[in-house]
Amino acid sequence: GGFMNSSDGEYVGNGFVKSTYTCKSCGHA
């Protein structure tokens, strides 16, 4: 239930940006 922080995104085409989100509390990504 923790907050997910985002990393810098990378453009992957068709207007989409891919980003990794990591939980501040448990580290789940």
mmCIF file of all heavy atoms, coordinates in Angstrom:
data_MODEL
# 
_entry.id   MODEL 
# 
loop_
_atom_site.group_PDB 
_atom_site.id 
_atom_site.type_symbol 
_atom_site.label_atom_id 
_atom_site.label_alt_id 
_atom_site.label_comp_id 
_atom_site.label_asym_id 
_atom_site.label_entity_id 
_atom_site.label_seq_id 
_atom_site.pdbx_PDB_ins_code 
_atom_site.Cartn_x 
_atom_site.Cartn_y 
_atom_site.Cartn_z 
_atom_site.occupancy 
_atom_site.B_iso_or_equiv 
_atom_site.pdbx_formal_charge 
_atom_site.auth_seq_id 
_atom_site.auth_comp_id 
_atom_site.auth_asym_id 
_atom_site.auth_atom_id 
_atom_site.pdbx_PDB_model_num 
ATOM 1   N N   . GLY A 1 1  ? 0.797  -1.226 0.000   1.00 0.00 ? 1  GLY A N   1 
ATOM 2   C CA  . GLY A 1 1  ? 0.000  0.000  0.000   1.00 0.00 ? 1  GLY A CA  1 
ATOM 3   C C   . GLY A 1 1  ? 0.824  1.268  0.000   1.00 0.00 ? 1  GLY A C   1 
ATOM 4   O O   . GLY A 1 1  ? 0.285  2.363  0.109   1.00 0.00 ? 1  GLY A O   1 
ATOM 5   N N   . GLY A 1 2  ? 2.157  1.135  -0.131  1.00 0.00 ? 2  GLY A N   1 
ATOM 6   C CA  . GLY A 1 2  ? 3.045  2.295  -0.127  1.00 0.00 ? 2  GLY A CA  1 
ATOM 7   C C   . GLY A 1 2  ? 2.995  3.088  -1.424  1.00 0.00 ? 2  GLY A C   1 
ATOM 8   O O   . GLY A 1 2  ? 2.374  2.680  -2.407  1.00 0.00 ? 2  GLY A O   1 
ATOM 9   N N   . PHE A 1 3  ? 3.690  4.221  -1.419  1.00 0.00 ? 3  PHE A N   1 
ATOM 10  C CA  . PHE A 1 3  ? 3.746  5.107  -2.590  1.00 0.00 ? 3  PHE A CA  1 
ATOM 11  C C   . PHE A 1 3  ? 4.817  4.622  -3.555  1.00 0.00 ? 3  PHE A C   1 
ATOM 12  O O   . PHE A 1 3  ? 5.925  4.259  -3.149  1.00 0.00 ? 3  PHE A O   1 
ATOM 13  C CB  . PHE A 1 3  ? 4.050  6.536  -2.157  1.00 0.00 ? 3  PHE A CB  1 
ATOM 14  C CG  . PHE A 1 3  ? 4.082  7.516  -3.290  1.00 0.00 ? 3  PHE A CG  1 
ATOM 15  C CD1 . PHE A 1 3  ? 2.907  7.973  -3.851  1.00 0.00 ? 3  PHE A CD1 1 
ATOM 16  C CD2 . PHE A 1 3  ? 5.283  7.972  -3.796  1.00 0.00 ? 3  PHE A CD2 1 
ATOM 17  C CE1 . PHE A 1 3  ? 2.928  8.880  -4.909  1.00 0.00 ? 3  PHE A CE1 1 
ATOM 18  C CE2 . PHE A 1 3  ? 5.318  8.877  -4.849  1.00 0.00 ? 3  PHE A CE2 1 
ATOM 19  C CZ  . PHE A 1 3  ? 4.133  9.331  -5.396  1.00 0.00 ? 3  PHE A CZ  1 
ATOM 20  N N   . MET A 1 4  ? 4.507  4.632  -4.856  1.00 0.00 ? 4  MET A N   1 
ATOM 21  C CA  . MET A 1 4  ? 5.441  4.188  -5.888  1.00 0.00 ? 4  MET A CA  1 
ATOM 22  C C   . MET A 1 4  ? 6.132  5.401  -6.507  1.00 0.00 ? 4  MET A C   1 
ATOM 23  O O   . MET A 1 4  ? 5.478  6.273  -7.069  1.00 0.00 ? 4  MET A O   1 
ATOM 24  C CB  . MET A 1 4  ? 4.705  3.402  -6.976  1.00 0.00 ? 4  MET A CB  1 
ATOM 25  C CG  . MET A 1 4  ? 3.884  2.228  -6.499  1.00 0.00 ? 4  MET A CG  1 
ATOM 26  S SD  . MET A 1 4  ? 4.841  0.831  -5.954  1.00 0.00 ? 4  MET A SD  1 
ATOM 27  C CE  . MET A 1 4  ? 5.242  0.051  -7.497  1.00 0.00 ? 4  MET A CE  1 
ATOM 28  N N   . ASN A 1 5  ? 7.463  5.474  -6.385  1.00 0.00 ? 5  ASN A N   1 
ATOM 29  C CA  . ASN A 1 5  ? 8.259  6.522  -7.027  1.00 0.00 ? 5  ASN A CA  1 
ATOM 30  C C   . ASN A 1 5  ? 8.563  6.122  -8.457  1.00 0.00 ? 5  ASN A C   1 
ATOM 31  O O   . ASN A 1 5  ? 8.794  4.948  -8.741  1.00 0.00 ? 5  ASN A O   1 
ATOM 32  C CB  . ASN A 1 5  ? 9.587  6.719  -6.289  1.00 0.00 ? 5  ASN A CB  1 
ATOM 33  C CG  . ASN A 1 5  ? 9.432  7.469  -5.000  1.00 0.00 ? 5  ASN A CG  1 
ATOM 34  O OD1 . ASN A 1 5  ? 8.597  8.345  -4.881  1.00 0.00 ? 5  ASN A OD1 1 
ATOM 35  N ND2 . ASN A 1 5  ? 10.232 7.110  -4.009  1.00 0.00 ? 5  ASN A ND2 1 
ATOM 36  N N   . SER A 1 6  ? 8.622  7.093  -9.360  1.00 0.00 ? 6  SER A N   1 
ATOM 37  C CA  . SER A 1 6  ? 8.919  6.783  -10.761 1.00 0.00 ? 6  SER A CA  1 
ATOM 38  C C   . SER A 1 6  ? 10.358 7.132  -11.098 1.00 0.00 ? 6  SER A C   1 
ATOM 39  O O   . SER A 1 6  ? 10.952 8.022  -10.509 1.00 0.00 ? 6  SER A O   1 
ATOM 40  C CB  . SER A 1 6  ? 7.976  7.532  -11.695 1.00 0.00 ? 6  SER A CB  1 
ATOM 41  O OG  . SER A 1 6  ? 8.184  8.911  -11.582 1.00 0.00 ? 6  SER A OG  1 
ATOM 42  N N   . SER A 1 7  ? 10.892 6.405  -12.073 1.00 0.00 ? 7  SER A N   1 
ATOM 43  C CA  . SER A 1 7  ? 12.218 6.714  -12.600 1.00 0.00 ? 7  SER A CA  1 
ATOM 44  C C   . SER A 1 7  ? 12.042 7.546  -13.864 1.00 0.00 ? 7  SER A C   1 
ATOM 45  O O   . SER A 1 7  ? 10.922 7.785  -14.306 1.00 0.00 ? 7  SER A O   1 
ATOM 46  C CB  . SER A 1 7  ? 12.954 5.417  -12.928 1.00 0.00 ? 7  SER A CB  1 
ATOM 47  O OG  . SER A 1 7  ? 12.286 4.737  -13.984 1.00 0.00 ? 7  SER A OG  1 
ATOM 48  N N   . ASP A 1 8  ? 13.143 7.971  -14.442 1.00 0.00 ? 8  ASP A N   1 
ATOM 49  C CA  . ASP A 1 8  ? 13.063 8.674  -15.721 1.00 0.00 ? 8  ASP A CA  1 
ATOM 50  C C   . ASP A 1 8  ? 12.522 7.720  -16.771 1.00 0.00 ? 8  ASP A C   1 
ATOM 51  O O   . ASP A 1 8  ? 12.922 6.568  -16.850 1.00 0.00 ? 8  ASP A O   1 
ATOM 52  C CB  . ASP A 1 8  ? 14.447 9.171  -16.151 1.00 0.00 ? 8  ASP A CB  1 
ATOM 53  C CG  . ASP A 1 8  ? 14.960 10.288 -15.260 1.00 0.00 ? 8  ASP A CG  1 
ATOM 54  O OD1 . ASP A 1 8  ? 14.127 10.981 -14.644 1.00 0.00 ? 8  ASP A OD1 1 
ATOM 55  O OD2 . ASP A 1 8  ? 16.187 10.456 -15.179 1.00 0.00 ? 8  ASP A OD2 1 
ATOM 56  N N   . GLY A 1 9  ? 11.609 8.213  -17.580 1.00 0.00 ? 9  GLY A N   1 
ATOM 57  C CA  . GLY A 1 9  ? 10.998 7.379  -18.603 1.00 0.00 ? 9  GLY A CA  1 
ATOM 58  C C   . GLY A 1 9  ? 11.816 7.355  -19.884 1.00 0.00 ? 9  GLY A C   1 
ATOM 59  O O   . GLY A 1 9  ? 12.671 8.206  -20.108 1.00 0.00 ? 9  GLY A O   1 
ATOM 60  N N   . GLU A 1 10 ? 11.526 6.356  -20.703 1.00 0.00 ? 10 GLU A N   1 
ATOM 61  C CA  . GLU A 1 10 ? 12.165 6.275  -22.011 1.00 0.00 ? 10 GLU A CA  1 
ATOM 62  C C   . GLU A 1 10 ? 11.087 6.162  -23.078 1.00 0.00 ? 10 GLU A C   1 
ATOM 63  O O   . GLU A 1 10 ? 10.106 5.437  -22.900 1.00 0.00 ? 10 GLU A O   1 
ATOM 64  C CB  . GLU A 1 10 ? 13.152 5.109  -22.087 1.00 0.00 ? 10 GLU A CB  1 
ATOM 65  C CG  . GLU A 1 10 ? 12.551 3.790  -22.478 1.00 0.00 ? 10 GLU A CG  1 
ATOM 66  C CD  . GLU A 1 10 ? 13.584 2.674  -22.587 1.00 0.00 ? 10 GLU A CD  1 
ATOM 67  O OE1 . GLU A 1 10 ? 14.071 2.257  -21.537 1.00 0.00 ? 10 GLU A OE1 1 
ATOM 68  O OE2 . GLU A 1 10 ? 13.841 2.217  -23.712 1.00 0.00 ? 10 GLU A OE2 1 
ATOM 69  N N   . TYR A 1 11 ? 11.250 6.890  -24.158 1.00 0.00 ? 11 TYR A N   1 
ATOM 70  C CA  . TYR A 1 11 ? 10.283 6.880  -25.251 1.00 0.00 ? 11 TYR A CA  1 
ATOM 71  C C   . TYR A 1 11 ? 10.362 5.534  -25.963 1.00 0.00 ? 11 TYR A C   1 
ATOM 72  O O   . TYR A 1 11 ? 11.441 5.079  -26.338 1.00 0.00 ? 11 TYR A O   1 
ATOM 73  C CB  . TYR A 1 11 ? 10.574 8.021  -26.220 1.00 0.00 ? 11 TYR A CB  1 
ATOM 74  C CG  . TYR A 1 11 ? 9.601  8.084  -27.370 1.00 0.00 ? 11 TYR A CG  1 
ATOM 75  C CD1 . TYR A 1 11 ? 8.308  8.540  -27.173 1.00 0.00 ? 11 TYR A CD1 1 
ATOM 76  C CD2 . TYR A 1 11 ? 9.970  7.669  -28.634 1.00 0.00 ? 11 TYR A CD2 1 
ATOM 77  C CE1 . TYR A 1 11 ? 7.403  8.594  -28.218 1.00 0.00 ? 11 TYR A CE1 1 
ATOM 78  C CE2 . TYR A 1 11 ? 9.076  7.722  -29.695 1.00 0.00 ? 11 TYR A CE2 1 
ATOM 79  C CZ  . TYR A 1 11 ? 7.793  8.184  -29.476 1.00 0.00 ? 11 TYR A CZ  1 
ATOM 80  O OH  . TYR A 1 11 ? 6.897  8.231  -30.508 1.00 0.00 ? 11 TYR A OH  1 
ATOM 81  N N   . VAL A 1 12 ? 9.208  4.870  -26.144 1.00 0.00 ? 12 VAL A N   1 
ATOM 82  C CA  . VAL A 1 12 ? 9.188  3.547  -26.779 1.00 0.00 ? 12 VAL A CA  1 
ATOM 83  C C   . VAL A 1 12 ? 8.365  3.515  -28.058 1.00 0.00 ? 12 VAL A C   1 
ATOM 84  O O   . VAL A 1 12 ? 8.127  2.449  -28.602 1.00 0.00 ? 12 VAL A O   1 
ATOM 85  C CB  . VAL A 1 12 ? 8.687  2.454  -25.799 1.00 0.00 ? 12 VAL A CB  1 
ATOM 86  C CG1 . VAL A 1 12 ? 9.674  2.244  -24.682 1.00 0.00 ? 12 VAL A CG1 1 
ATOM 87  C CG2 . VAL A 1 12 ? 7.320  2.771  -25.253 1.00 0.00 ? 12 VAL A CG2 1 
ATOM 88  N N   . GLY A 1 13 ? 7.950  4.652  -28.574 1.00 0.00 ? 13 GLY A N   1 
ATOM 89  C CA  . GLY A 1 13 ? 7.211  4.710  -29.835 1.00 0.00 ? 13 GLY A CA  1 
ATOM 90  C C   . GLY A 1 13 ? 5.719  4.869  -29.643 1.00 0.00 ? 13 GLY A C   1 
ATOM 91  O O   . GLY A 1 13 ? 5.172  4.623  -28.568 1.00 0.00 ? 13 GLY A O   1 
ATOM 92  N N   . ASN A 1 14 ? 5.038  5.283  -30.696 1.00 0.00 ? 14 ASN A N   1 
ATOM 93  C CA  . ASN A 1 14 ? 3.586  5.513  -30.694 1.00 0.00 ? 14 ASN A CA  1 
ATOM 94  C C   . ASN A 1 14 ? 3.143  6.470  -29.597 1.00 0.00 ? 14 ASN A C   1 
ATOM 95  O O   . ASN A 1 14 ? 2.027  6.370  -29.095 1.00 0.00 ? 14 ASN A O   1 
ATOM 96  C CB  . ASN A 1 14 ? 2.815  4.207  -30.576 1.00 0.00 ? 14 ASN A CB  1 
ATOM 97  C CG  . ASN A 1 14 ? 2.707  3.486  -31.894 1.00 0.00 ? 14 ASN A CG  1 
ATOM 98  O OD1 . ASN A 1 14 ? 2.977  4.055  -32.942 1.00 0.00 ? 14 ASN A OD1 1 
ATOM 99  N ND2 . ASN A 1 14 ? 2.322  2.232  -31.842 1.00 0.00 ? 14 ASN A ND2 1 
ATOM 100 N N   . GLY A 1 15 ? 4.014  7.362  -29.167 1.00 0.00 ? 15 GLY A N   1 
ATOM 101 C CA  . GLY A 1 15 ? 3.665  8.332  -28.142 1.00 0.00 ? 15 GLY A CA  1 
ATOM 102 C C   . GLY A 1 15 ? 3.736  7.794  -26.722 1.00 0.00 ? 15 GLY A C   1 
ATOM 103 O O   . GLY A 1 15 ? 3.342  8.469  -25.785 1.00 0.00 ? 15 GLY A O   1 
ATOM 104 N N   . PHE A 1 16 ? 4.221  6.571  -26.532 1.00 0.00 ? 16 PHE A N   1 
ATOM 105 C CA  . PHE A 1 16 ? 4.303  5.972  -25.196 1.00 0.00 ? 16 PHE A CA  1 
ATOM 106 C C   . PHE A 1 16 ? 5.660  6.229  -24.551 1.00 0.00 ? 16 PHE A C   1 
ATOM 107 O O   . PHE A 1 16 ? 6.694  6.220  -25.219 1.00 0.00 ? 16 PHE A O   1 
ATOM 108 C CB  . PHE A 1 16 ? 4.081  4.458  -25.264 1.00 0.00 ? 16 PHE A CB  1 
ATOM 109 C CG  . PHE A 1 16 ? 2.644  4.055  -25.356 1.00 0.00 ? 16 PHE A CG  1 
ATOM 110 C CD1 . PHE A 1 16 ? 2.071  3.750  -26.576 1.00 0.00 ? 16 PHE A CD1 1 
ATOM 111 C CD2 . PHE A 1 16 ? 1.859  3.969  -24.217 1.00 0.00 ? 16 PHE A CD2 1 
ATOM 112 C CE1 . PHE A 1 16 ? 0.748  3.364  -26.667 1.00 0.00 ? 16 PHE A CE1 1 
ATOM 113 C CE2 . PHE A 1 16 ? 0.530  3.596  -24.297 1.00 0.00 ? 16 PHE A CE2 1 
ATOM 114 C CZ  . PHE A 1 16 ? -0.024 3.292  -25.520 1.00 0.00 ? 16 PHE A CZ  1 
ATOM 115 N N   . VAL A 1 17 ? 5.645  6.425  -23.243 1.00 0.00 ? 17 VAL A N   1 
ATOM 116 C CA  . VAL A 1 17 ? 6.852  6.537  -22.437 1.00 0.00 ? 17 VAL A CA  1 
ATOM 117 C C   . VAL A 1 17 ? 6.813  5.419  -21.406 1.00 0.00 ? 17 VAL A C   1 
ATOM 118 O O   . VAL A 1 17 ? 5.824  5.246  -20.688 1.00 0.00 ? 17 VAL A O   1 
ATOM 119 C CB  . VAL A 1 17 ? 6.930  7.912  -21.731 1.00 0.00 ? 17 VAL A CB  1 
ATOM 120 C CG1 . VAL A 1 17 ? 8.126  7.967  -20.803 1.00 0.00 ? 17 VAL A CG1 1 
ATOM 121 C CG2 . VAL A 1 17 ? 6.979  9.028  -22.751 1.00 0.00 ? 17 VAL A CG2 1 
ATOM 122 N N   . LYS A 1 18 ? 7.886  4.627  -21.332 1.00 0.00 ? 18 LYS A N   1 
ATOM 123 C CA  . LYS A 1 18 ? 7.965  3.502  -20.400 1.00 0.00 ? 18 LYS A CA  1 
ATOM 124 C C   . LYS A 1 18 ? 8.752  3.926  -19.166 1.00 0.00 ? 18 LYS A C   1 
ATOM 125 O O   . LYS A 1 18 ? 9.836  4.501  -19.284 1.00 0.00 ? 18 LYS A O   1 
ATOM 126 C CB  . LYS A 1 18 ? 8.648  2.314  -21.084 1.00 0.00 ? 18 LYS A CB  1 
ATOM 127 C CG  . LYS A 1 18 ? 8.723  1.073  -20.227 1.00 0.00 ? 18 LYS A CG  1 
ATOM 128 C CD  . LYS A 1 18 ? 9.249  -0.112 -21.012 1.00 0.00 ? 18 LYS A CD  1 
ATOM 129 C CE  . LYS A 1 18 ? 10.737 -0.061 -21.117 1.00 0.00 ? 18 LYS A CE  1 
ATOM 130 N NZ  . LYS A 1 18 ? 11.344 -1.270 -21.669 1.00 0.00 ? 18 LYS A NZ  1 
ATOM 131 N N   . SER A 1 19 ? 8.207  3.650  -17.976 1.00 0.00 ? 19 SER A N   1 
ATOM 132 C CA  . SER A 1 19 ? 8.852  4.024  -16.718 1.00 0.00 ? 19 SER A CA  1 
ATOM 133 C C   . SER A 1 19 ? 8.775  2.883  -15.715 1.00 0.00 ? 19 SER A C   1 
ATOM 134 O O   . SER A 1 19 ? 7.818  2.122  -15.707 1.00 0.00 ? 19 SER A O   1 
ATOM 135 C CB  . SER A 1 19 ? 8.171  5.245  -16.094 1.00 0.00 ? 19 SER A CB  1 
ATOM 136 O OG  . SER A 1 19 ? 8.231  6.350  -16.949 1.00 0.00 ? 19 SER A OG  1 
ATOM 137 N N   . THR A 1 20 ? 9.782  2.820  -14.857 1.00 0.00 ? 20 THR A N   1 
ATOM 138 C CA  . THR A 1 20 ? 9.783  1.871  -13.747 1.00 0.00 ? 20 THR A CA  1 
ATOM 139 C C   . THR A 1 20 ? 9.340  2.613  -12.496 1.00 0.00 ? 20 THR A C   1 
ATOM 140 O O   . THR A 1 20 ? 9.810  3.711  -12.219 1.00 0.00 ? 20 THR A O   1 
ATOM 141 C CB  . THR A 1 20 ? 11.185 1.281  -13.535 1.00 0.00 ? 20 THR A CB  1 
ATOM 142 O OG1 . THR A 1 20 ? 11.594 0.626  -14.729 1.00 0.00 ? 20 THR A OG1 1 
ATOM 143 C CG2 . THR A 1 20 ? 11.200 0.283  -12.384 1.00 0.00 ? 20 THR A CG2 1 
ATOM 144 N N   . TYR A 1 21 ? 8.432  2.019  -11.753 1.00 0.00 ? 21 TYR A N   1 
ATOM 145 C CA  . TYR A 1 21 ? 7.940  2.579  -10.492 1.00 0.00 ? 21 TYR A CA  1 
ATOM 146 C C   . TYR A 1 21 ? 8.368  1.652  -9.362  1.00 0.00 ? 21 TYR A C   1 
ATOM 147 O O   . TYR A 1 21 ? 8.158  0.443  -9.440  1.00 0.00 ? 21 TYR A O   1 
ATOM 148 C CB  . TYR A 1 21 ? 6.412  2.707  -10.522 1.00 0.00 ? 21 TYR A CB  1 
ATOM 149 C CG  . TYR A 1 21 ? 5.938  3.714  -11.530 1.00 0.00 ? 21 TYR A CG  1 
ATOM 150 C CD1 . TYR A 1 21 ? 5.781  3.379  -12.863 1.00 0.00 ? 21 TYR A CD1 1 
ATOM 151 C CD2 . TYR A 1 21 ? 5.664  5.018  -11.144 1.00 0.00 ? 21 TYR A CD2 1 
ATOM 152 C CE1 . TYR A 1 21 ? 5.367  4.315  -13.808 1.00 0.00 ? 21 TYR A CE1 1 
ATOM 153 C CE2 . TYR A 1 21 ? 5.242  5.963  -12.079 1.00 0.00 ? 21 TYR A CE2 1 
ATOM 154 C CZ  . TYR A 1 21 ? 5.098  5.603  -13.397 1.00 0.00 ? 21 TYR A CZ  1 
ATOM 155 O OH  . TYR A 1 21 ? 4.702  6.531  -14.315 1.00 0.00 ? 21 TYR A OH  1 
ATOM 156 N N   . THR A 1 22 ? 8.987  2.219  -8.309  1.00 0.00 ? 22 THR A N   1 
ATOM 157 C CA  . THR A 1 22 ? 9.489  1.436  -7.186  1.00 0.00 ? 22 THR A CA  1 
ATOM 158 C C   . THR A 1 22 ? 8.851  1.931  -5.896  1.00 0.00 ? 22 THR A C   1 
ATOM 159 O O   . THR A 1 22 ? 8.816  3.135  -5.633  1.00 0.00 ? 22 THR A O   1 
ATOM 160 C CB  . THR A 1 22 ? 11.018 1.564  -7.082  1.00 0.00 ? 22 THR A CB  1 
ATOM 161 O OG1 . THR A 1 22 ? 11.595 1.229  -8.348  1.00 0.00 ? 22 THR A OG1 1 
ATOM 162 C CG2 . THR A 1 22 ? 11.579 0.634  -6.026  1.00 0.00 ? 22 THR A CG2 1 
ATOM 163 N N   . CYS A 1 23 ? 8.372  0.996  -5.070  1.00 0.00 ? 23 CYS A N   1 
ATOM 164 C CA  . CYS A 1 23 ? 7.722  1.341  -3.803  1.00 0.00 ? 23 CYS A CA  1 
ATOM 165 C C   . CYS A 1 23 ? 8.738  1.895  -2.814  1.00 0.00 ? 23 CYS A C   1 
ATOM 166 O O   . CYS A 1 23 ? 9.820  1.319  -2.628  1.00 0.00 ? 23 CYS A O   1 
ATOM 167 C CB  . CYS A 1 23 ? 7.033  0.109  -3.220  1.00 0.00 ? 23 CYS A CB  1 
ATOM 168 S SG  . CYS A 1 23 ? 6.199  0.443  -1.654  1.00 0.00 ? 23 CYS A SG  1 
ATOM 169 N N   . LYS A 1 24 ? 8.396  3.011  -2.155  1.00 0.00 ? 24 LYS A N   1 
ATOM 170 C CA  . LYS A 1 24 ? 9.260  3.614  -1.145  1.00 0.00 ? 24 LYS A CA  1 
ATOM 171 C C   . LYS A 1 24 ? 9.388  2.721  0.084   1.00 0.00 ? 24 LYS A C   1 
ATOM 172 O O   . LYS A 1 24 ? 10.416 2.723  0.740   1.00 0.00 ? 24 LYS A O   1 
ATOM 173 C CB  . LYS A 1 24 ? 8.698  4.969  -0.710  1.00 0.00 ? 24 LYS A CB  1 
ATOM 174 C CG  . LYS A 1 24 ? 8.855  6.064  -1.730  1.00 0.00 ? 24 LYS A CG  1 
ATOM 175 C CD  . LYS A 1 24 ? 8.152  7.338  -1.312  1.00 0.00 ? 24 LYS A CD  1 
ATOM 176 C CE  . LYS A 1 24 ? 8.815  7.983  -0.123  1.00 0.00 ? 24 LYS A CE  1 
ATOM 177 N NZ  . LYS A 1 24 ? 8.234  9.302  0.184   1.00 0.00 ? 24 LYS A NZ  1 
ATOM 178 N N   . SER A 1 25 ? 8.338  1.940  0.399   1.00 0.00 ? 25 SER A N   1 
ATOM 179 C CA  . SER A 1 25 ? 8.321  1.153  1.621   1.00 0.00 ? 25 SER A CA  1 
ATOM 180 C C   . SER A 1 25 ? 8.985  -0.215 1.486   1.00 0.00 ? 25 SER A C   1 
ATOM 181 O O   . SER A 1 25 ? 9.840  -0.581 2.280   1.00 0.00 ? 25 SER A O   1 
ATOM 182 C CB  . SER A 1 25 ? 6.884  0.943  2.102   1.00 0.00 ? 25 SER A CB  1 
ATOM 183 O OG  . SER A 1 25 ? 6.256  2.174  2.322   1.00 0.00 ? 25 SER A OG  1 
ATOM 184 N N   . CYS A 1 26 ? 8.574  -0.977 0.462   1.00 0.00 ? 26 CYS A N   1 
ATOM 185 C CA  . CYS A 1 26 ? 9.041  -2.367 0.373   1.00 0.00 ? 26 CYS A CA  1 
ATOM 186 C C   . CYS A 1 26 ? 9.981  -2.644 -0.798  1.00 0.00 ? 26 CYS A C   1 
ATOM 187 O O   . CYS A 1 26 ? 10.537 -3.728 -0.899  1.00 0.00 ? 26 CYS A O   1 
ATOM 188 C CB  . CYS A 1 26 ? 7.854  -3.329 0.321   1.00 0.00 ? 26 CYS A CB  1 
ATOM 189 S SG  . CYS A 1 26 ? 6.908  -3.273 -1.218  1.00 0.00 ? 26 CYS A SG  1 
ATOM 190 N N   . GLY A 1 27 ? 10.153 -1.685 -1.717  1.00 0.00 ? 27 GLY A N   1 
ATOM 191 C CA  . GLY A 1 27 ? 11.065 -1.863 -2.834  1.00 0.00 ? 27 GLY A CA  1 
ATOM 192 C C   . GLY A 1 27 ? 10.492 -2.624 -4.016  1.00 0.00 ? 27 GLY A C   1 
ATOM 193 O O   . GLY A 1 27 ? 11.194 -2.860 -4.995  1.00 0.00 ? 27 GLY A O   1 
ATOM 194 N N   . HIS A 1 28 ? 9.224  -3.024 -3.958  1.00 0.00 ? 28 HIS A N   1 
ATOM 195 C CA  . HIS A 1 28 ? 8.580  -3.721 -5.078  1.00 0.00 ? 28 HIS A CA  1 
ATOM 196 C C   . HIS A 1 28 ? 8.598  -2.810 -6.302  1.00 0.00 ? 28 HIS A C   1 
ATOM 197 O O   . HIS A 1 28 ? 8.362  -1.613 -6.203  1.00 0.00 ? 28 HIS A O   1 
ATOM 198 C CB  . HIS A 1 28 ? 7.135  -4.077 -4.690  1.00 0.00 ? 28 HIS A CB  1 
ATOM 199 C CG  . HIS A 1 28 ? 6.335  -4.692 -5.776  1.00 0.00 ? 28 HIS A CG  1 
ATOM 200 N ND1 . HIS A 1 28 ? 6.655  -5.889 -6.356  1.00 0.00 ? 28 HIS A ND1 1 
ATOM 201 C CD2 . HIS A 1 28 ? 5.195  -4.274 -6.393  1.00 0.00 ? 28 HIS A CD2 1 
ATOM 202 C CE1 . HIS A 1 28 ? 5.756  -6.185 -7.290  1.00 0.00 ? 28 HIS A CE1 1 
ATOM 203 N NE2 . HIS A 1 28 ? 4.858  -5.212 -7.321  1.00 0.00 ? 28 HIS A NE2 1 
ATOM 204 N N   . ALA A 1 29 ? 8.918  -3.374 -7.486  1.00 0.00 ? 29 ALA A N   1 
ATOM 205 C CA  . ALA A 1 29 ? 9.023  -2.567 -8.705  1.00 0.00 ? 29 ALA A CA  1 
ATOM 206 C C   . ALA A 1 29 ? 8.064  -3.077 -9.780  1.00 0.00 ? 29 ALA A C   1 
ATOM 207 O O   . ALA A 1 29 ? 7.825  -4.275 -9.890  1.00 0.00 ? 29 ALA A O   1 
ATOM 208 C CB  . ALA A 1 29 ? 10.448 -2.593 -9.232  1.00 0.00 ? 29 ALA A CB  1 
# 
